Amino acid sequence: MKRRKFITKYAYTPWYRTIRGVFAQLVLPFTIFQLIRTLFIPTVFDVLLLCVFIAIAVSIYFEIV
């Protein structure tokens, strides 16, 4: 039985941590803006973009990515 290696967020390269930090700060305002826009002018593209932003926000919050 192999032993699992747990990867911490400090094991990533510095440029990846920087990009992830920038996305973590920007995804919430973009998601809120897209939600407001989707409520007023609902198009298929807006709904899909909102779903993508929500998926990114959830994955960053739960540290999946």
C-alpha atoms as a PDB file:
ATOM      1  CA  MET A   1       0.000   0.000   0.000  1.00  0.00           C
ATOM      2  CA  LYS A   2       1.459   3.312  -1.055  1.00  0.00           C
ATOM      3  CA  ARG A   3       1.558   6.206   1.283  1.00  0.00           C
ATOM      4  CA  ARG A   4      -0.301   9.318   0.142  1.00  0.00           C
ATOM      5  CA  LYS A   5       1.596  12.545  -0.165  1.00  0.00           C
ATOM      6  CA  PHE A   6      -0.386  15.542   0.926  1.00  0.00           C
ATOM      7  CA  ILE A   7       0.300  18.686  -1.047  1.00  0.00           C
ATOM      8  CA  THR A   8       0.151  21.925   0.863  1.00  0.00           C
ATOM      9  CA  LYS A   9      -0.379  25.282  -0.753  1.00  0.00           C
ATOM     10  CA  TYR A  10       3.263  26.136   0.009  1.00  0.00           C
ATOM     11  CA  ALA A  11       4.491  23.303  -2.228  1.00  0.00           C
ATOM     12  CA  TYR A  12       3.368  25.169  -5.351  1.00  0.00           C
ATOM     13  CA  THR A  13       5.621  27.456  -7.335  1.00  0.00           C
ATOM     14  CA  PRO A  14       5.625  31.149  -6.401  1.00  0.00           C
ATOM     15  CA  TRP A  15       4.106  32.287  -9.711  1.00  0.00           C
ATOM     16  CA  TYR A  16       1.186  29.850  -9.255  1.00  0.00           C
ATOM     17  CA  ARG A  17       0.515  31.127  -5.736  1.00  0.00           C
ATOM     18  CA  THR A  18       0.581  34.712  -7.047  1.00  0.00           C
ATOM     19  CA  ILE A  19      -1.873  33.961  -9.868  1.00  0.00           C
ATOM     20  CA  ARG A  20      -4.156  32.068  -7.476  1.00  0.00           C
ATOM     21  CA  GLY A  21      -4.097  34.968  -5.014  1.00  0.00           C
ATOM     22  CA  VAL A  22      -5.029  37.443  -7.741  1.00  0.00           C
ATOM     23  CA  PHE A  23      -7.904  35.226  -8.903  1.00  0.00           C
ATOM     24  CA  ALA A  24      -9.068  34.788  -5.309  1.00  0.00           C
ATOM     25  CA  GLN A  25      -9.320  38.571  -4.922  1.00  0.00           C
ATOM     26  CA  LEU A  26     -10.986  39.246  -8.273  1.00  0.00           C
ATOM     27  CA  VAL A  27     -13.421  36.372  -8.677  1.00  0.00           C
ATOM     28  CA  LEU A  28     -15.933  37.578  -6.074  1.00  0.00           C
ATOM     29  CA  PRO A  29     -16.440  41.099  -7.529  1.00  0.00           C
ATOM     30  CA  PHE A  30     -16.687  39.639 -11.049  1.00  0.00           C
ATOM     31  CA  THR A  31     -19.233  37.079  -9.844  1.00  0.00           C
ATOM     32  CA  ILE A  32     -21.377  39.732  -8.140  1.00  0.00           C
ATOM     33  CA  PHE A  33     -21.227  41.981 -11.206  1.00  0.00           C
ATOM     34  CA  GLN A  34     -22.155  39.077 -13.479  1.00  0.00           C
ATOM     35  CA  LEU A  35     -25.043  38.105 -11.170  1.00  0.00           C
ATOM     36  CA  ILE A  36     -26.481  41.624 -11.322  1.00  0.00           C
ATOM     37  CA  ARG A  37     -26.011  41.731 -15.081  1.00  0.00           C
ATOM     38  CA  THR A  38     -27.676  38.321 -15.485  1.00  0.00           C
ATOM     39  CA  LEU A  39     -30.661  39.433 -13.423  1.00  0.00           C
ATOM     40  CA  PHE A  40     -31.271  42.438 -15.691  1.00  0.00           C
ATOM     41  CA  ILE A  41     -30.276  41.069 -19.121  1.00  0.00           C
ATOM     42  CA  PRO A  42     -30.369  37.250 -19.006  1.00  0.00           C
ATOM     43  CA  THR A  43     -28.734  35.709 -22.052  1.00  0.00           C
ATOM     44  CA  VAL A  44     -27.315  32.231 -22.462  1.00  0.00           C
ATOM     45  CA  PHE A  45     -23.765  33.577 -22.478  1.00  0.00           C
ATOM     46  CA  ASP A  46     -24.344  35.532 -19.247  1.00  0.00           C
ATOM     47  CA  VAL A  47     -25.750  32.504 -17.462  1.00  0.00           C
ATOM     48  CA  LEU A  48     -22.864  30.297 -18.604  1.00  0.00           C
ATOM     49  CA  LEU A  49     -20.310  32.921 -17.585  1.00  0.00           C
ATOM     50  CA  LEU A  50     -21.972  33.225 -14.185  1.00  0.00           C
ATOM     51  CA  CYS A  51     -21.770  29.442 -13.741  1.00  0.00           C
ATOM     52  CA  VAL A  52     -18.059  29.507 -14.610  1.00  0.00           C
ATOM     53  CA  PHE A  53     -17.404  32.308 -12.111  1.00  0.00           C
ATOM     54  CA  ILE A  54     -19.320  30.462  -9.393  1.00  0.00           C
ATOM     55  CA  ALA A  55     -17.380  27.260 -10.099  1.00  0.00           C
ATOM     56  CA  ILE A  56     -14.057  29.125  -9.888  1.00  0.00           C
ATOM     57  CA  ALA A  57     -15.092  30.873  -6.665  1.00  0.00           C
ATOM     58  CA  VAL A  58     -16.164  27.619  -5.028  1.00  0.00           C
ATOM     59  CA  SER A  59     -13.019  25.798  -6.126  1.00  0.00           C
ATOM     60  CA  ILE A  60     -10.799  28.544  -4.725  1.00  0.00           C
ATOM     61  CA  TYR A  61     -12.805  28.734  -1.485  1.00  0.00           C
ATOM     62  CA  PHE A  62     -12.581  24.971  -0.883  1.00  0.00           C
ATOM     63  CA  GLU A  63      -8.936  24.959  -2.109  1.00  0.00           C
ATOM     64  CA  ILE A  64      -9.603  22.458  -4.884  1.00  0.00           C
ATOM     65  CA  VAL A  65      -7.449  24.453  -7.285  1.00  0.00           C
END
